[in-house]
C-alpha atoms as a PDB file:
ATOM      1  CA  MET A   1     191.804 -17.859  14.250  1.00  0.00           C
ATOM      2  CA  ALA A   2     190.569 -16.386  10.891  1.00  0.00           C
ATOM      3  CA  VAL A   3     187.011 -15.644  10.926  1.00  0.00           C
ATOM      4  CA  ALA A   4     185.281 -17.739   8.003  1.00  0.00           C
ATOM      5  CA  GLY A   5     182.119 -16.053   6.979  1.00  0.00           C
ATOM      6  CA  PHE A   6     179.322 -17.028   4.319  1.00  0.00           C
ATOM      7  CA  SER A   7     176.890 -14.885   2.496  1.00  0.00           C
ATOM      8  CA  GLY A   8     173.906 -17.158   2.663  1.00  0.00           C
ATOM      9  CA  ILE A   9     172.102 -20.540   1.504  1.00  0.00           C
ATOM     10  CA  HIS A  10     173.131 -21.208  -1.982  1.00  0.00           C
ATOM     11  CA  HIS A  11     170.718 -23.822  -2.389  1.00  0.00           C
ATOM     12  CA  ILE A  12     168.591 -26.482  -0.513  1.00  0.00           C
ATOM     13  CA  ALA A  13     167.937 -30.244  -1.970  1.00  0.00           C
ATOM     14  CA  LEU A  14     164.999 -31.808  -0.859  1.00  0.00           C
ATOM     15  CA  ASN A  15     164.276 -35.555  -1.366  1.00  0.00           C
ATOM     16  CA  VAL A  16     160.686 -36.310  -2.791  1.00  0.00           C
ATOM     17  CA  ARG A  17     159.096 -39.567  -3.900  1.00  0.00           C
ATOM     18  CA  ASP A  18     157.718 -38.640  -7.339  1.00  0.00           C
ATOM     19  CA  LEU A  19     160.015 -36.288  -8.991  1.00  0.00           C
ATOM     20  CA  ASP A  20     157.697 -35.346 -11.949  1.00  0.00           C
ATOM     21  CA  ALA A  21     154.773 -34.590  -9.540  1.00  0.00           C
ATOM     22  CA  SER A  22     156.816 -32.462  -7.121  1.00  0.00           C
ATOM     23  CA  VAL A  23     158.519 -30.597 -10.352  1.00  0.00           C
ATOM     24  CA  ARG A  24     154.896 -29.777 -11.358  1.00  0.00           C
ATOM     25  CA  TRP A  25     153.704 -28.800  -7.696  1.00  0.00           C
ATOM     26  CA  TYR A  26     156.808 -26.390  -7.022  1.00  0.00           C
ATOM     27  CA  SER A  27     156.148 -24.866 -10.570  1.00  0.00           C
ATOM     28  CA  GLU A  28     152.364 -24.313 -10.392  1.00  0.00           C
ATOM     29  CA  VAL A  29     152.291 -23.380  -6.543  1.00  0.00           C
ATOM     30  CA  LEU A  30     155.168 -21.707  -5.735  1.00  0.00           C
ATOM     31  CA  ASP A  31     156.362 -20.271  -9.100  1.00  0.00           C
ATOM     32  CA  PHE A  32     159.697 -22.269  -9.358  1.00  0.00           C
ATOM     33  CA  SER A  33     161.021 -22.571 -12.978  1.00  0.00           C
ATOM     34  CA  PRO A  34     163.305 -25.941 -13.686  1.00  0.00           C
ATOM     35  CA  LEU A  35     166.960 -25.047 -14.575  1.00  0.00           C
ATOM     36  CA  PHE A  36     168.264 -28.616 -15.202  1.00  0.00           C
ATOM     37  CA  ARG A  37     167.757 -32.020 -14.450  1.00  0.00           C
ATOM     38  CA  TRP A  38     170.763 -34.374 -13.210  1.00  0.00           C
ATOM     39  CA  ASP A  39     169.907 -37.997 -13.734  1.00  0.00           C
ATOM     40  CA  THR A  40     172.452 -40.747 -12.335  1.00  0.00           C
ATOM     41  CA  ASP A  41     172.501 -44.405 -11.541  1.00  0.00           C
ATOM     42  CA  SER A  42     171.802 -43.033  -7.556  1.00  0.00           C
ATOM     43  CA  PHE A  43     169.477 -40.462  -8.137  1.00  0.00           C
ATOM     44  CA  ASP A  44     167.414 -38.253 -10.385  1.00  0.00           C
ATOM     45  CA  ARG A  45     167.629 -34.505  -9.475  1.00  0.00           C
ATOM     46  CA  GLN A  46     165.826 -31.629 -10.946  1.00  0.00           C
ATOM     47  CA  LEU A  47     167.136 -27.935  -9.981  1.00  0.00           C
ATOM     48  CA  MET A  48     164.592 -25.401  -9.680  1.00  0.00           C
ATOM     49  CA  ARG A  49     164.896 -21.484  -9.167  1.00  0.00           C
ATOM     50  CA  HIS A  50     162.165 -18.990  -7.969  1.00  0.00           C
ATOM     51  CA  PRO A  51     162.279 -15.591  -9.504  1.00  0.00           C
ATOM     52  CA  SER A  52     163.658 -14.217  -6.199  1.00  0.00           C
ATOM     53  CA  GLY A  53     166.930 -16.118  -6.723  1.00  0.00           C
ATOM     54  CA  VAL A  54     166.050 -19.237  -4.517  1.00  0.00           C
ATOM     55  CA  VAL A  55     167.386 -22.226  -5.793  1.00  0.00           C
ATOM     56  CA  ILE A  56     166.142 -25.674  -4.649  1.00  0.00           C
ATOM     57  CA  GLY A  57     167.050 -29.272  -6.031  1.00  0.00           C
ATOM     58  CA  LEU A  58     164.357 -31.979  -5.920  1.00  0.00           C
ATOM     59  CA  THR A  59     165.783 -35.550  -5.857  1.00  0.00           C
ATOM     60  CA  THR A  60     164.456 -38.959  -6.152  1.00  0.00           C
ATOM     61  CA  HIS A  61     166.726 -41.559  -4.619  1.00  0.00           C
ATOM     62  CA  ARG A  62     166.898 -45.068  -6.217  1.00  0.00           C
ATOM     63  CA  HIS A  63     167.251 -47.180  -2.842  1.00  0.00           C
ATOM     64  CA  ALA A  64     165.208 -49.185  -0.684  1.00  0.00           C
ATOM     65  CA  ASP A  65     163.521 -46.595   1.427  1.00  0.00           C
ATOM     66  CA  ALA A  66     163.271 -43.928  -1.323  1.00  0.00           C
ATOM     67  CA  GLY A  67     159.666 -44.201  -1.389  1.00  0.00           C
ATOM     68  CA  ALA A  68     159.239 -43.406   2.553  1.00  0.00           C
ATOM     69  CA  GLU A  69     156.975 -40.325   3.599  1.00  0.00           C
ATOM     70  CA  PHE A  70     158.859 -37.312   4.972  1.00  0.00           C
ATOM     71  CA  SER A  71     158.694 -36.912   8.829  1.00  0.00           C
ATOM     72  CA  GLU A  72     160.102 -34.051  10.631  1.00  0.00           C
ATOM     73  CA  ARG A  73     160.331 -36.303  13.615  1.00  0.00           C
ATOM     74  CA  ARG A  74     163.398 -37.871  12.247  1.00  0.00           C
ATOM     75  CA  THR A  75     167.044 -36.447  12.105  1.00  0.00           C
ATOM     76  CA  GLY A  76     167.106 -34.098   9.402  1.00  0.00           C
ATOM     77  CA  LEU A  77     165.173 -31.277   7.868  1.00  0.00           C
ATOM     78  CA  ASP A  78     162.537 -30.216  10.188  1.00  0.00           C
ATOM     79  CA  HIS A  79     160.891 -27.432   7.884  1.00  0.00           C
ATOM     80  CA  LEU A  80     161.802 -25.138   5.257  1.00  0.00           C
ATOM     81  CA  ALA A  81     160.419 -21.429   5.688  1.00  0.00           C
ATOM     82  CA  PHE A  82     160.503 -18.944   2.663  1.00  0.00           C
ATOM     83  CA  ALA A  83     160.827 -15.252   3.605  1.00  0.00           C
ATOM     84  CA  VAL A  84     158.315 -12.619   2.825  1.00  0.00           C
ATOM     85  CA  ARG A  85     158.912  -8.958   3.258  1.00  0.00           C
ATOM     86  CA  THR A  86     155.135  -7.731   4.309  1.00  0.00           C
ATOM     87  CA  ARG A  87     151.996  -8.653   5.591  1.00  0.00           C
ATOM     88  CA  ALA A  88     150.436  -7.849   1.965  1.00  0.00           C
ATOM     89  CA  GLU A  89     152.920 -10.690   0.627  1.00  0.00           C
ATOM     90  CA  LEU A  90     151.583 -13.046   3.316  1.00  0.00           C
ATOM     91  CA  GLU A  91     148.180 -12.364   2.439  1.00  0.00           C
ATOM     92  CA  ALA A  92     148.922 -12.828  -1.236  1.00  0.00           C
ATOM     93  CA  TRP A  93     150.189 -16.159  -0.319  1.00  0.00           C
ATOM     94  CA  ALA A  94     147.524 -17.446   1.644  1.00  0.00           C
ATOM     95  CA  SER A  95     145.233 -16.540  -1.226  1.00  0.00           C
ATOM     96  CA  ARG A  96     147.329 -18.347  -3.653  1.00  0.00           C
ATOM     97  CA  LEU A  97     147.670 -21.273  -1.397  1.00  0.00           C
ATOM     98  CA  THR A  98     143.733 -21.237  -1.043  1.00  0.00           C
ATOM     99  CA  ASP A  99     142.950 -20.989  -4.717  1.00  0.00           C
ATOM    100  CA  ALA A 100     145.585 -23.996  -5.433  1.00  0.00           C
ATOM    101  CA  GLY A 101     143.726 -26.103  -3.225  1.00  0.00           C
ATOM    102  CA  VAL A 102     146.598 -26.285  -0.732  1.00  0.00           C
ATOM    103  CA  ALA A 103     145.801 -27.073   2.811  1.00  0.00           C
ATOM    104  CA  HIS A 104     147.413 -24.410   4.869  1.00  0.00           C
ATOM    105  CA  SER A 105     147.493 -23.115   8.621  1.00  0.00           C
ATOM    106  CA  GLY A 106     146.194 -19.584   7.758  1.00  0.00           C
ATOM    107  CA  ILE A 107     148.063 -16.442   8.560  1.00  0.00           C
ATOM    108  CA  THR A 108     149.148 -17.403  12.261  1.00  0.00           C
ATOM    109  CA  VAL A 109     151.352 -15.627  14.690  1.00  0.00           C
ATOM    110  CA  THR A 110     153.931 -17.906  16.729  1.00  0.00           C
ATOM    111  CA  PRO A 111     154.894 -17.576  20.496  1.00  0.00           C
ATOM    112  CA  PRO A 112     157.172 -16.713  21.963  1.00  0.00           C
ATOM    113  CA  MET A 113     158.649 -14.485  19.197  1.00  0.00           C
ATOM    114  CA  ASP A 114     155.439 -13.183  17.700  1.00  0.00           C
ATOM    115  CA  PHE A 115     156.665 -14.244  14.174  1.00  0.00           C
ATOM    116  CA  THR A 116     153.801 -14.272  11.598  1.00  0.00           C
ATOM    117  CA  LEU A 117     153.559 -17.057   8.835  1.00  0.00           C
ATOM    118  CA  ILE A 118     151.580 -19.684   7.065  1.00  0.00           C
ATOM    119  CA  ALA A 119     152.563 -23.247   7.332  1.00  0.00           C
ATOM    120  CA  PHE A 120     151.553 -26.187   4.717  1.00  0.00           C
ATOM    121  CA  ARG A 121     152.915 -29.039   3.144  1.00  0.00           C
ATOM    122  CA  ASP A 122     154.102 -30.148  -0.015  1.00  0.00           C
ATOM    123  CA  PRO A 123     153.132 -33.587  -1.961  1.00  0.00           C
ATOM    124  CA  ASP A 124     155.636 -35.407   0.040  1.00  0.00           C
ATOM    125  CA  ASN A 125     154.622 -33.832   3.674  1.00  0.00           C
ATOM    126  CA  ILE A 126     157.347 -31.642   3.914  1.00  0.00           C
ATOM    127  CA  GLN A 127     156.338 -28.564   5.968  1.00  0.00           C
ATOM    128  CA  LEU A 128     156.887 -25.316   4.258  1.00  0.00           C
ATOM    129  CA  GLU A 129     156.204 -21.910   5.477  1.00  0.00           C
ATOM    130  CA  MET A 130     155.950 -18.212   4.059  1.00  0.00           C
ATOM    131  CA  TYR A 131     157.460 -16.304   7.226  1.00  0.00           C
ATOM    132  CA  LEU A 132     157.552 -12.552   8.046  1.00  0.00           C
ATOM    133  CA  ALA A 133     160.223 -12.428  10.268  1.00  0.00           C
ATOM    134  CA  GLU A 134     160.800  -8.896  11.118  1.00  0.00           C
ATOM    135  CA  LYS A 135     158.796  -8.015  13.822  1.00  0.00           C
ATOM    136  CA  ASN A 136     158.483  -4.422  12.790  1.00  0.00           C
ATOM    137  CA  ALA A 137     158.033  -5.363   9.205  1.00  0.00           C
ATOM    138  CA  PRO A 138     155.999  -2.795   6.964  1.00  0.00           C
ATOM    139  CA  ASP A 139     152.196  -3.731   7.175  1.00  0.00           C
ATOM    140  CA  ARG A 140     152.556  -6.082  10.115  1.00  0.00           C
END
């Protein structure tokens, strides 16, 4: 059997209740910039790009339960973690989130692997993390 590989994640699409509010939040808090908007009969989606190259799609669906709050306890997404390279970057994110009025966990070390992260939530209750995954990362 041939090996089928891939080079990374191209993008992730998140369902949101208020597209304009989410676009504003991801722009102001996480520094994403709008790429283009795609509005159809069944959904309205805004693609966003971060300076790091990460692309997300924020989507509002036009169906009965589209306004329900996100819960990681249902089948689907649990959380989304963005990688940071150093402890200094993680500290900068803690300051940025605090300055933006976003409640967060502070810098936390999680067992059993002792990864270092900050957890917080977007306006739709989706848990996001800034994640220092390298156990021996610089400035750890």
